[in-house]
C-alpha cells in the first residue's frame, strides 16, 4: 500500500508547527516572536520549537505541543509520569541561562 505523505493529515502533520501554534493561541502573526531556542527541534513534531515550555522532568517542547499531548493523556510522553498543563513552565529569554 502506497502511503502518500502529502495526503496524510492529522493534528500533528496537517499544517506547520508555527501555523498550528498561531491557530491555537489566536495569534494573528502581526508580532514576530523572538526565537528563544534557535536550532532546537520539537521532539514530537520534529519542527523548530515555537514558544518553548519545559516540564518538571526537564523535557522541552513547544507549548502548543504540550497542550495537544496533555489533552490526550495526562502523562509526560517521555517518562509516562502524571503531568498537568499548569506544571509546564514557559521558557523566555529572562529565565534561560545563557
N, C-alpha and C. Protein backbone atom coordinates (compact mmCIF):
# COMPACT_ATOMS: atom_id res chain seq x y z
N UNK A 1 0.85 -1.18 0.00
CA UNK A 1 0.00 0.00 0.00
C UNK A 1 0.89 1.24 0.00
N UNK A 2 0.71 2.10 -1.01
CA UNK A 2 1.50 3.33 -1.10
C UNK A 2 0.89 4.40 -0.22
N UNK A 3 1.68 4.89 0.71
CA UNK A 3 1.23 5.98 1.57
C UNK A 3 1.77 7.28 0.99
N UNK A 4 0.89 8.17 0.64
CA UNK A 4 1.28 9.45 0.09
C UNK A 4 1.36 10.46 1.23
N UNK A 5 2.59 10.89 1.62
CA UNK A 5 2.73 11.80 2.75
C UNK A 5 2.01 13.13 2.55
N UNK A 6 1.84 13.58 1.29
CA UNK A 6 1.16 14.84 1.07
C UNK A 6 -0.33 14.74 1.41
N UNK A 7 -0.91 13.54 1.29
CA UNK A 7 -2.34 13.40 1.55
C UNK A 7 -2.63 12.99 2.98
N UNK A 8 -1.61 12.59 3.73
CA UNK A 8 -1.80 12.16 5.11
C UNK A 8 -1.87 13.39 6.00
N UNK A 9 -2.98 13.57 6.68
CA UNK A 9 -3.10 14.70 7.59
C UNK A 9 -3.70 14.26 8.90
N UNK A 10 -3.21 14.83 9.95
CA UNK A 10 -3.78 14.70 11.29
C UNK A 10 -3.35 15.93 12.05
N UNK A 11 -3.64 15.99 13.34
CA UNK A 11 -3.31 17.22 14.07
C UNK A 11 -1.82 17.45 14.19
N UNK A 12 -0.99 16.43 13.91
CA UNK A 12 0.45 16.59 14.00
C UNK A 12 1.07 17.01 12.68
N UNK A 13 0.42 16.74 11.54
CA UNK A 13 1.09 16.97 10.28
C UNK A 13 0.33 17.81 9.27
N UNK A 14 -0.86 18.25 9.59
CA UNK A 14 -1.67 18.93 8.58
C UNK A 14 -1.16 20.33 8.23
N UNK A 15 -0.59 21.05 9.18
CA UNK A 15 -0.04 22.38 8.92
C UNK A 15 1.27 22.53 9.67
N UNK A 16 2.00 23.57 9.37
CA UNK A 16 3.30 23.76 10.01
C UNK A 16 3.13 24.02 11.50
N UNK A 17 4.20 23.78 12.23
CA UNK A 17 4.21 23.96 13.69
C UNK A 17 3.84 25.38 14.07
N UNK A 18 4.44 26.34 13.41
CA UNK A 18 4.17 27.74 13.77
C UNK A 18 2.73 28.11 13.44
N UNK A 19 2.20 27.57 12.34
CA UNK A 19 0.80 27.84 11.98
C UNK A 19 -0.15 27.22 13.00
N UNK A 20 0.15 26.00 13.46
CA UNK A 20 -0.68 25.36 14.49
C UNK A 20 -0.68 26.20 15.75
N UNK A 21 0.51 26.68 16.15
CA UNK A 21 0.60 27.49 17.36
C UNK A 21 -0.23 28.76 17.23
N UNK A 22 -0.11 29.43 16.08
CA UNK A 22 -0.88 30.65 15.86
C UNK A 22 -2.38 30.38 15.92
N UNK A 23 -2.81 29.25 15.34
CA UNK A 23 -4.23 28.90 15.37
C UNK A 23 -4.72 28.64 16.79
N UNK A 24 -3.93 27.95 17.58
CA UNK A 24 -4.34 27.61 18.95
C UNK A 24 -4.30 28.81 19.88
N UNK A 25 -3.33 29.69 19.67
CA UNK A 25 -3.17 30.81 20.58
C UNK A 25 -3.98 32.03 20.18
N UNK A 26 -4.55 32.00 18.96
CA UNK A 26 -5.29 33.16 18.48
C UNK A 26 -4.37 34.26 17.97
N UNK A 27 -3.09 33.94 17.81
CA UNK A 27 -2.11 34.90 17.32
C UNK A 27 -2.31 35.12 15.82
N UNK A 28 -2.44 36.36 15.43
CA UNK A 28 -2.64 36.65 14.00
C UNK A 28 -1.33 36.83 13.26
N UNK A 29 -0.21 36.68 13.98
CA UNK A 29 1.10 36.78 13.34
C UNK A 29 1.58 38.20 13.15
N UNK A 30 0.84 39.19 13.65
CA UNK A 30 1.21 40.58 13.46
C UNK A 30 2.53 40.92 14.16
N UNK A 31 2.79 40.24 15.25
CA UNK A 31 4.00 40.50 16.02
C UNK A 31 4.94 39.32 15.86
N UNK A 32 6.15 39.56 15.38
CA UNK A 32 7.12 38.48 15.18
C UNK A 32 7.65 38.04 16.54
N UNK A 33 7.63 36.75 16.79
CA UNK A 33 8.06 36.18 18.06
C UNK A 33 9.56 35.95 18.05
N UNK A 34 10.22 36.29 19.15
CA UNK A 34 11.65 36.06 19.28
C UNK A 34 11.89 34.57 19.48
N UNK A 35 12.86 34.03 18.79
CA UNK A 35 13.19 32.61 18.91
C UNK A 35 14.06 32.44 20.16
N UNK A 36 13.48 31.82 21.18
CA UNK A 36 14.16 31.66 22.46
C UNK A 36 15.21 30.54 22.39
N UNK A 37 14.93 29.49 21.63
CA UNK A 37 15.85 28.35 21.49
C UNK A 37 16.16 28.11 20.01
N UNK A 38 16.97 28.98 19.41
CA UNK A 38 17.26 28.79 17.98
C UNK A 38 17.93 27.45 17.72
N UNK A 39 17.46 26.76 16.70
CA UNK A 39 18.03 25.48 16.33
C UNK A 39 17.51 24.30 17.12
N UNK A 40 16.61 24.53 18.09
CA UNK A 40 16.08 23.42 18.89
C UNK A 40 14.86 22.83 18.19
N UNK A 41 14.84 21.52 18.06
CA UNK A 41 13.75 20.82 17.37
C UNK A 41 12.81 20.19 18.37
N UNK A 42 11.52 20.38 18.15
CA UNK A 42 10.48 19.77 18.99
C UNK A 42 10.55 18.26 18.79
N UNK A 43 10.71 17.47 19.85
CA UNK A 43 10.86 16.02 19.69
C UNK A 43 9.60 15.30 19.23
N UNK A 44 8.44 15.93 19.31
CA UNK A 44 7.19 15.32 18.86
C UNK A 44 6.91 15.68 17.40
N UNK A 45 6.96 16.97 17.09
CA UNK A 45 6.61 17.42 15.73
C UNK A 45 7.81 17.40 14.78
N UNK A 46 9.02 17.36 15.34
CA UNK A 46 10.26 17.41 14.57
C UNK A 46 10.39 18.71 13.76
N UNK A 47 9.80 19.76 14.27
CA UNK A 47 9.89 21.09 13.68
C UNK A 47 10.53 22.03 14.70
N UNK A 48 11.02 23.19 14.26
CA UNK A 48 11.62 24.13 15.21
C UNK A 48 10.62 24.49 16.31
N UNK A 49 11.13 24.58 17.53
CA UNK A 49 10.27 24.89 18.68
C UNK A 49 9.79 26.33 18.60
N UNK A 50 8.48 26.49 18.78
CA UNK A 50 7.85 27.80 18.87
C UNK A 50 7.27 27.90 20.27
N UNK A 51 7.55 28.98 20.97
CA UNK A 51 7.03 29.19 22.32
C UNK A 51 7.35 27.98 23.21
N UNK A 52 8.62 27.74 23.53
CA UNK A 52 9.01 26.54 24.27
C UNK A 52 8.53 26.52 25.71
N UNK A 53 8.30 25.30 26.18
CA UNK A 53 7.93 25.08 27.57
C UNK A 53 8.70 23.88 28.09
N UNK A 54 8.99 23.88 29.39
CA UNK A 54 9.76 22.79 30.00
C UNK A 54 8.93 22.12 31.09
N UNK A 55 9.01 20.82 31.12
CA UNK A 55 8.28 20.05 32.13
C UNK A 55 9.12 19.96 33.40
N UNK A 56 8.52 19.54 34.51
CA UNK A 56 9.30 19.36 35.74
C UNK A 56 10.37 18.27 35.58
N UNK A 57 10.23 17.44 34.54
CA UNK A 57 11.19 16.37 34.29
C UNK A 57 12.33 16.82 33.40
N UNK A 58 12.28 18.07 32.91
CA UNK A 58 13.35 18.64 32.11
C UNK A 58 13.17 18.51 30.61
N UNK A 59 12.01 18.06 30.15
CA UNK A 59 11.78 17.91 28.71
C UNK A 59 11.24 19.21 28.13
N UNK A 60 11.73 19.58 26.94
CA UNK A 60 11.34 20.83 26.29
C UNK A 60 10.62 20.53 24.99
N UNK A 61 9.46 21.16 24.82
CA UNK A 61 8.69 21.12 23.58
C UNK A 61 7.98 22.45 23.47
N UNK A 62 7.36 22.70 22.33
CA UNK A 62 6.55 23.89 22.18
C UNK A 62 5.32 23.80 23.07
N UNK A 63 4.84 24.94 23.54
CA UNK A 63 3.67 24.95 24.43
C UNK A 63 2.44 24.35 23.74
N UNK A 64 2.29 24.60 22.45
CA UNK A 64 1.15 24.02 21.72
C UNK A 64 1.26 22.50 21.67
N UNK A 65 2.48 21.98 21.54
CA UNK A 65 2.67 20.53 21.55
C UNK A 65 2.33 19.97 22.92
N UNK A 66 2.79 20.64 23.97
CA UNK A 66 2.43 20.20 25.33
C UNK A 66 0.92 20.17 25.49
N UNK A 67 0.24 21.21 25.03
CA UNK A 67 -1.22 21.27 25.17
C UNK A 67 -1.88 20.11 24.43
N UNK A 68 -1.44 19.82 23.23
CA UNK A 68 -2.02 18.71 22.46
C UNK A 68 -1.76 17.37 23.12
N UNK A 69 -0.53 17.15 23.57
CA UNK A 69 -0.17 15.88 24.19
C UNK A 69 -0.94 15.68 25.50
N UNK A 70 -0.99 16.73 26.31
CA UNK A 70 -1.65 16.60 27.61
C UNK A 70 -3.17 16.57 27.50
N UNK A 71 -3.73 17.03 26.38
CA UNK A 71 -5.18 16.93 26.21
C UNK A 71 -5.58 15.48 25.91
N UNK A 72 -4.66 14.71 25.33
CA UNK A 72 -4.92 13.30 25.04
C UNK A 72 -4.62 12.41 26.23
N UNK A 73 -3.56 12.74 26.94
CA UNK A 73 -3.12 11.91 28.06
C UNK A 73 -2.55 12.84 29.12
N UNK A 74 -2.90 12.65 30.32
CA UNK A 74 -2.40 13.50 31.41
C UNK A 74 -1.07 12.98 31.93
N UNK A 75 -0.22 12.50 30.98
CA UNK A 75 1.08 11.95 31.34
C UNK A 75 2.16 12.54 30.45
N UNK A 76 3.38 12.63 31.00
CA UNK A 76 4.53 13.05 30.20
C UNK A 76 4.75 12.01 29.11
N UNK A 77 4.89 12.43 27.86
CA UNK A 77 5.07 11.44 26.79
C UNK A 77 6.43 10.73 26.85
N UNK A 78 7.34 11.22 27.65
CA UNK A 78 8.67 10.64 27.73
C UNK A 78 8.84 9.76 28.97
N UNK A 79 8.35 10.23 30.13
CA UNK A 79 8.53 9.48 31.38
C UNK A 79 7.29 8.67 31.75
N UNK A 80 6.15 9.01 31.15
CA UNK A 80 4.85 8.39 31.46
C UNK A 80 4.39 8.69 32.88
N UNK A 81 5.02 9.70 33.50
CA UNK A 81 4.62 10.15 34.83
C UNK A 81 3.42 11.09 34.71
N UNK A 82 2.54 11.15 35.72
CA UNK A 82 1.42 12.10 35.67
C UNK A 82 1.93 13.52 35.49
N UNK A 83 1.24 14.27 34.63
CA UNK A 83 1.66 15.64 34.32
C UNK A 83 0.43 16.45 33.93
N UNK A 84 0.36 17.67 34.44
CA UNK A 84 -0.74 18.57 34.11
C UNK A 84 -0.17 19.81 33.43
N UNK A 85 -1.02 20.42 32.63
CA UNK A 85 -0.57 21.57 31.83
C UNK A 85 -0.01 22.71 32.69
N UNK A 86 -0.58 22.93 33.86
CA UNK A 86 -0.09 24.03 34.70
C UNK A 86 1.33 23.78 35.23
N UNK A 87 1.83 22.56 35.11
CA UNK A 87 3.18 22.24 35.55
C UNK A 87 4.23 22.60 34.49
N UNK A 88 3.81 22.91 33.28
CA UNK A 88 4.73 23.27 32.21
C UNK A 88 5.09 24.74 32.34
N UNK A 89 6.37 25.03 32.39
CA UNK A 89 6.82 26.41 32.54
C UNK A 89 7.30 26.94 31.19
N UNK A 90 6.74 28.07 30.78
CA UNK A 90 7.14 28.71 29.52
C UNK A 90 8.58 29.19 29.64
N UNK A 91 9.38 28.94 28.61
CA UNK A 91 10.76 29.42 28.59
C UNK A 91 10.82 30.77 27.88
N UNK A 92 11.47 31.71 28.52
CA UNK A 92 11.62 33.06 27.97
C UNK A 92 13.09 33.46 28.03
N UNK A 93 13.48 34.51 27.33
CA UNK A 93 14.88 34.95 27.42
C UNK A 93 15.31 35.25 28.85
N UNK A 94 14.38 35.69 29.69
CA UNK A 94 14.73 36.06 31.06
C UNK A 94 14.90 34.87 32.00
N UNK A 95 14.37 33.69 31.64
CA UNK A 95 14.54 32.57 32.55
C UNK A 95 15.39 31.42 31.97
N UNK A 96 16.12 31.71 30.89
CA UNK A 96 17.04 30.73 30.31
C UNK A 96 18.45 31.20 30.58
N UNK A 97 19.27 30.32 31.15
CA UNK A 97 20.69 30.66 31.36
C UNK A 97 21.40 30.66 30.03
N UNK A 98 22.17 31.68 29.78
CA UNK A 98 22.92 31.77 28.52
C UNK A 98 24.16 30.93 28.56
